[in-house]
Amino acid sequence: MGGETDMNANTLFILAAVVILIVLAILAFVLGRREAHNRLTPLTGLAFAFVLAGILFGADRLIAYSLMGIGVIMAIYDIIRRPK
């Protein structure tokens, strides 16, 4: 019975995280149209997809954390590589 509460809490957390990421993506897309020099690169989009996939595959922690880690590393690489 205690497992059901944990499952519902995890599901709500994952749903909240996905909603927040979608809202941030929409904001980045809308605000990115105003400033041409702040466009998302394909690498940033791929990093975002890896983090989102990590959240969606949260049931298996090894896979979830691996996907999120790959996404974060890709995002950091893109930040360092991006010209100023």
N, C-alpha and C. Protein backbone atom coordinates (compact mmCIF):
# COMPACT_ATOMS: atom_id res chain seq x y z
N MET A 1 0.82 -1.19 0.00
CA MET A 1 0.00 0.00 0.00
C MET A 1 0.87 1.26 0.00
N GLY A 2 1.99 1.21 0.69
CA GLY A 2 2.88 2.37 0.71
C GLY A 2 3.50 2.62 -0.65
N GLY A 3 3.63 1.56 -1.43
CA GLY A 3 4.21 1.69 -2.76
C GLY A 3 3.34 2.51 -3.70
N GLU A 4 2.02 2.45 -3.50
CA GLU A 4 1.12 3.24 -4.34
C GLU A 4 1.35 4.73 -4.12
N THR A 5 1.54 5.14 -2.89
CA THR A 5 1.77 6.55 -2.59
C THR A 5 3.06 7.02 -3.23
N ASP A 6 4.11 6.19 -3.15
CA ASP A 6 5.38 6.55 -3.78
C ASP A 6 5.24 6.64 -5.28
N MET A 7 4.48 5.73 -5.86
CA MET A 7 4.27 5.72 -7.30
C MET A 7 3.53 6.99 -7.73
N ASN A 8 2.50 7.37 -6.98
CA ASN A 8 1.75 8.58 -7.32
C ASN A 8 2.61 9.82 -7.16
N ALA A 9 3.43 9.86 -6.11
CA ALA A 9 4.31 11.01 -5.89
C ALA A 9 5.34 11.10 -7.01
N ASN A 10 5.91 9.96 -7.41
CA ASN A 10 6.87 9.97 -8.51
C ASN A 10 6.22 10.39 -9.82
N THR A 11 5.03 9.91 -10.06
CA THR A 11 4.31 10.28 -11.28
C THR A 11 4.02 11.77 -11.31
N LEU A 12 3.60 12.31 -10.18
CA LEU A 12 3.33 13.76 -10.11
C LEU A 12 4.60 14.56 -10.30
N PHE A 13 5.69 14.10 -9.73
CA PHE A 13 6.97 14.80 -9.88
C PHE A 13 7.41 14.80 -11.34
N ILE A 14 7.32 13.65 -11.99
CA ILE A 14 7.70 13.55 -13.40
C ILE A 14 6.80 14.43 -14.26
N LEU A 15 5.51 14.41 -13.99
CA LEU A 15 4.58 15.23 -14.75
C LEU A 15 4.89 16.72 -14.56
N ALA A 16 5.17 17.12 -13.32
CA ALA A 16 5.51 18.53 -13.06
C ALA A 16 6.79 18.92 -13.77
N ALA A 17 7.79 18.04 -13.76
CA ALA A 17 9.05 18.34 -14.43
C ALA A 17 8.86 18.47 -15.94
N VAL A 18 8.07 17.60 -16.52
CA VAL A 18 7.81 17.66 -17.96
C VAL A 18 7.07 18.95 -18.32
N VAL A 19 6.08 19.32 -17.51
CA VAL A 19 5.33 20.56 -17.77
C VAL A 19 6.26 21.77 -17.68
N ILE A 20 7.12 21.79 -16.67
CA ILE A 20 8.06 22.91 -16.52
C ILE A 20 9.01 22.98 -17.71
N LEU A 21 9.52 21.83 -18.15
CA LEU A 21 10.41 21.83 -19.31
C LEU A 21 9.71 22.28 -20.58
N ILE A 22 8.47 21.90 -20.75
CA ILE A 22 7.71 22.34 -21.92
C ILE A 22 7.49 23.84 -21.89
N VAL A 23 7.14 24.38 -20.73
CA VAL A 23 6.94 25.82 -20.59
C VAL A 23 8.25 26.55 -20.88
N LEU A 24 9.38 26.05 -20.36
CA LEU A 24 10.67 26.68 -20.63
C LEU A 24 11.03 26.61 -22.11
N ALA A 25 10.73 25.50 -22.76
CA ALA A 25 11.01 25.38 -24.19
C ALA A 25 10.18 26.36 -25.00
N ILE A 26 8.92 26.52 -24.62
CA ILE A 26 8.05 27.48 -25.32
C ILE A 26 8.56 28.90 -25.11
N LEU A 27 8.94 29.23 -23.88
CA LEU A 27 9.49 30.56 -23.61
C LEU A 27 10.77 30.80 -24.39
N ALA A 28 11.64 29.82 -24.44
CA ALA A 28 12.89 29.96 -25.19
C ALA A 28 12.61 30.15 -26.67
N PHE A 29 11.61 29.44 -27.18
CA PHE A 29 11.26 29.56 -28.59
C PHE A 29 10.68 30.94 -28.89
N VAL A 30 9.78 31.41 -28.04
CA VAL A 30 9.14 32.72 -28.26
C VAL A 30 10.15 33.84 -28.08
N LEU A 31 10.95 33.79 -27.01
CA LEU A 31 11.93 34.85 -26.78
C LEU A 31 13.08 34.76 -27.77
N GLY A 32 13.37 33.58 -28.26
CA GLY A 32 14.45 33.40 -29.22
C GLY A 32 14.14 34.03 -30.56
N ARG A 33 12.87 34.17 -30.88
CA ARG A 33 12.50 34.79 -32.16
C ARG A 33 12.81 36.28 -32.16
N ARG A 34 12.79 36.90 -31.00
CA ARG A 34 13.04 38.33 -30.93
C ARG A 34 14.51 38.66 -31.15
N GLU A 35 15.39 37.80 -30.60
CA GLU A 35 16.82 38.06 -30.71
C GLU A 35 17.45 36.97 -31.58
N ALA A 36 17.91 37.36 -32.75
CA ALA A 36 18.43 36.38 -33.70
C ALA A 36 19.73 35.74 -33.21
N HIS A 37 20.50 36.42 -32.39
CA HIS A 37 21.78 35.89 -31.95
C HIS A 37 21.64 34.91 -30.78
N ASN A 38 20.47 34.73 -30.24
CA ASN A 38 20.26 33.81 -29.13
C ASN A 38 19.47 32.57 -29.54
N ARG A 39 19.59 32.14 -30.75
CA ARG A 39 18.86 30.97 -31.23
C ARG A 39 19.44 29.70 -30.61
N LEU A 40 18.57 28.72 -30.45
CA LEU A 40 19.02 27.43 -29.95
C LEU A 40 19.76 26.69 -31.06
N THR A 41 20.87 26.10 -30.69
CA THR A 41 21.62 25.31 -31.66
C THR A 41 21.05 23.89 -31.69
N PRO A 42 21.33 23.15 -32.74
CA PRO A 42 20.86 21.75 -32.78
C PRO A 42 21.40 20.93 -31.61
N LEU A 43 22.61 21.23 -31.17
CA LEU A 43 23.18 20.51 -30.03
C LEU A 43 22.41 20.80 -28.75
N THR A 44 21.95 22.03 -28.59
CA THR A 44 21.14 22.38 -27.42
C THR A 44 19.81 21.63 -27.45
N GLY A 45 19.20 21.56 -28.62
CA GLY A 45 17.95 20.82 -28.75
C GLY A 45 18.12 19.35 -28.45
N LEU A 46 19.23 18.78 -28.90
CA LEU A 46 19.51 17.37 -28.62
C LEU A 46 19.76 17.15 -27.13
N ALA A 47 20.48 18.07 -26.50
CA ALA A 47 20.72 17.98 -25.06
C ALA A 47 19.40 18.04 -24.29
N PHE A 48 18.52 18.93 -24.71
CA PHE A 48 17.20 19.05 -24.09
C PHE A 48 16.42 17.75 -24.25
N ALA A 49 16.51 17.13 -25.42
CA ALA A 49 15.81 15.87 -25.67
C ALA A 49 16.34 14.76 -24.77
N PHE A 50 17.67 14.72 -24.55
CA PHE A 50 18.24 13.71 -23.67
C PHE A 50 17.76 13.89 -22.23
N VAL A 51 17.73 15.13 -21.77
CA VAL A 51 17.26 15.39 -20.40
C VAL A 51 15.78 15.01 -20.28
N LEU A 52 14.99 15.37 -21.26
CA LEU A 52 13.57 15.02 -21.25
C LEU A 52 13.38 13.50 -21.28
N ALA A 53 14.16 12.81 -22.08
CA ALA A 53 14.08 11.35 -22.12
C ALA A 53 14.48 10.74 -20.78
N GLY A 54 15.47 11.34 -20.13
CA GLY A 54 15.87 10.87 -18.81
C GLY A 54 14.76 11.01 -17.80
N ILE A 55 13.99 12.07 -17.90
CA ILE A 55 12.86 12.26 -16.99
C ILE A 55 11.76 11.25 -17.31
N LEU A 56 11.51 11.03 -18.58
CA LEU A 56 10.45 10.10 -18.97
C LEU A 56 10.78 8.65 -18.62
N PHE A 57 12.07 8.29 -18.65
CA PHE A 57 12.48 6.93 -18.30
C PHE A 57 12.94 6.87 -16.84
N GLY A 58 12.27 7.61 -15.98
CA GLY A 58 12.65 7.71 -14.57
C GLY A 58 12.47 6.42 -13.79
N ALA A 59 11.75 5.45 -14.32
CA ALA A 59 11.53 4.20 -13.60
C ALA A 59 12.83 3.42 -13.45
N ASP A 60 13.67 3.44 -14.46
CA ASP A 60 14.96 2.77 -14.40
C ASP A 60 16.03 3.84 -14.14
N ARG A 61 16.51 3.92 -12.92
CA ARG A 61 17.40 5.01 -12.54
C ARG A 61 18.68 5.06 -13.33
N LEU A 62 19.26 3.91 -13.63
CA LEU A 62 20.51 3.90 -14.37
C LEU A 62 20.34 4.55 -15.75
N ILE A 63 19.29 4.17 -16.44
CA ILE A 63 19.03 4.74 -17.76
C ILE A 63 18.67 6.22 -17.63
N ALA A 64 17.82 6.56 -16.67
CA ALA A 64 17.37 7.94 -16.51
C ALA A 64 18.54 8.87 -16.21
N TYR A 65 19.36 8.51 -15.23
CA TYR A 65 20.49 9.37 -14.88
C TYR A 65 21.54 9.41 -15.98
N SER A 66 21.70 8.32 -16.71
CA SER A 66 22.64 8.32 -17.83
C SER A 66 22.18 9.29 -18.92
N LEU A 67 20.90 9.23 -19.27
CA LEU A 67 20.37 10.13 -20.30
C LEU A 67 20.46 11.59 -19.86
N MET A 68 20.11 11.85 -18.60
CA MET A 68 20.20 13.23 -18.10
C MET A 68 21.65 13.71 -18.07
N GLY A 69 22.56 12.83 -17.67
CA GLY A 69 23.97 13.20 -17.64
C GLY A 69 24.51 13.52 -19.03
N ILE A 70 24.13 12.71 -20.01
CA ILE A 70 24.54 12.97 -21.39
C ILE A 70 24.01 14.33 -21.85
N GLY A 71 22.74 14.61 -21.52
CA GLY A 71 22.15 15.89 -21.90
C GLY A 71 22.86 17.07 -21.26
N VAL A 72 23.20 16.95 -19.99
CA VAL A 72 23.89 18.05 -19.29
C VAL A 72 25.29 18.25 -19.87
N ILE A 73 26.00 17.15 -20.12
CA ILE A 73 27.34 17.27 -20.71
C ILE A 73 27.28 17.92 -22.08
N MET A 74 26.29 17.54 -22.89
CA MET A 74 26.14 18.15 -24.21
C MET A 74 25.83 19.64 -24.10
N ALA A 75 24.99 20.01 -23.15
CA ALA A 75 24.64 21.42 -22.97
C ALA A 75 25.86 22.23 -22.52
N ILE A 76 26.64 21.68 -21.61
CA ILE A 76 27.85 22.38 -21.15
C ILE A 76 28.84 22.53 -22.30
N TYR A 77 29.00 21.47 -23.09
CA TYR A 77 29.89 21.54 -24.26
C TYR A 77 29.42 22.62 -25.23
N ASP A 78 28.12 22.71 -25.43
CA ASP A 78 27.58 23.71 -26.35
C ASP A 78 27.81 25.12 -25.81
N ILE A 79 27.68 25.30 -24.51
CA ILE A 79 27.91 26.61 -23.92
C ILE A 79 29.36 27.03 -24.08
N ILE A 80 30.28 26.09 -23.85
CA ILE A 80 31.71 26.40 -23.98
C ILE A 80 32.09 26.66 -25.44
N ARG A 81 31.52 25.87 -26.36
CA ARG A 81 31.84 25.95 -27.78
C ARG A 81 31.22 27.16 -28.46
N ARG A 82 30.09 27.63 -27.96
CA ARG A 82 29.36 28.72 -28.61
C ARG A 82 30.18 30.02 -28.61
N PRO A 83 30.29 30.66 -29.75
CA PRO A 83 31.02 31.94 -29.79
C PRO A 83 30.27 33.02 -29.03
N LYS A 84 31.02 33.94 -28.49
CA LYS A 84 30.39 34.98 -27.66
C LYS A 84 29.99 36.18 -28.45
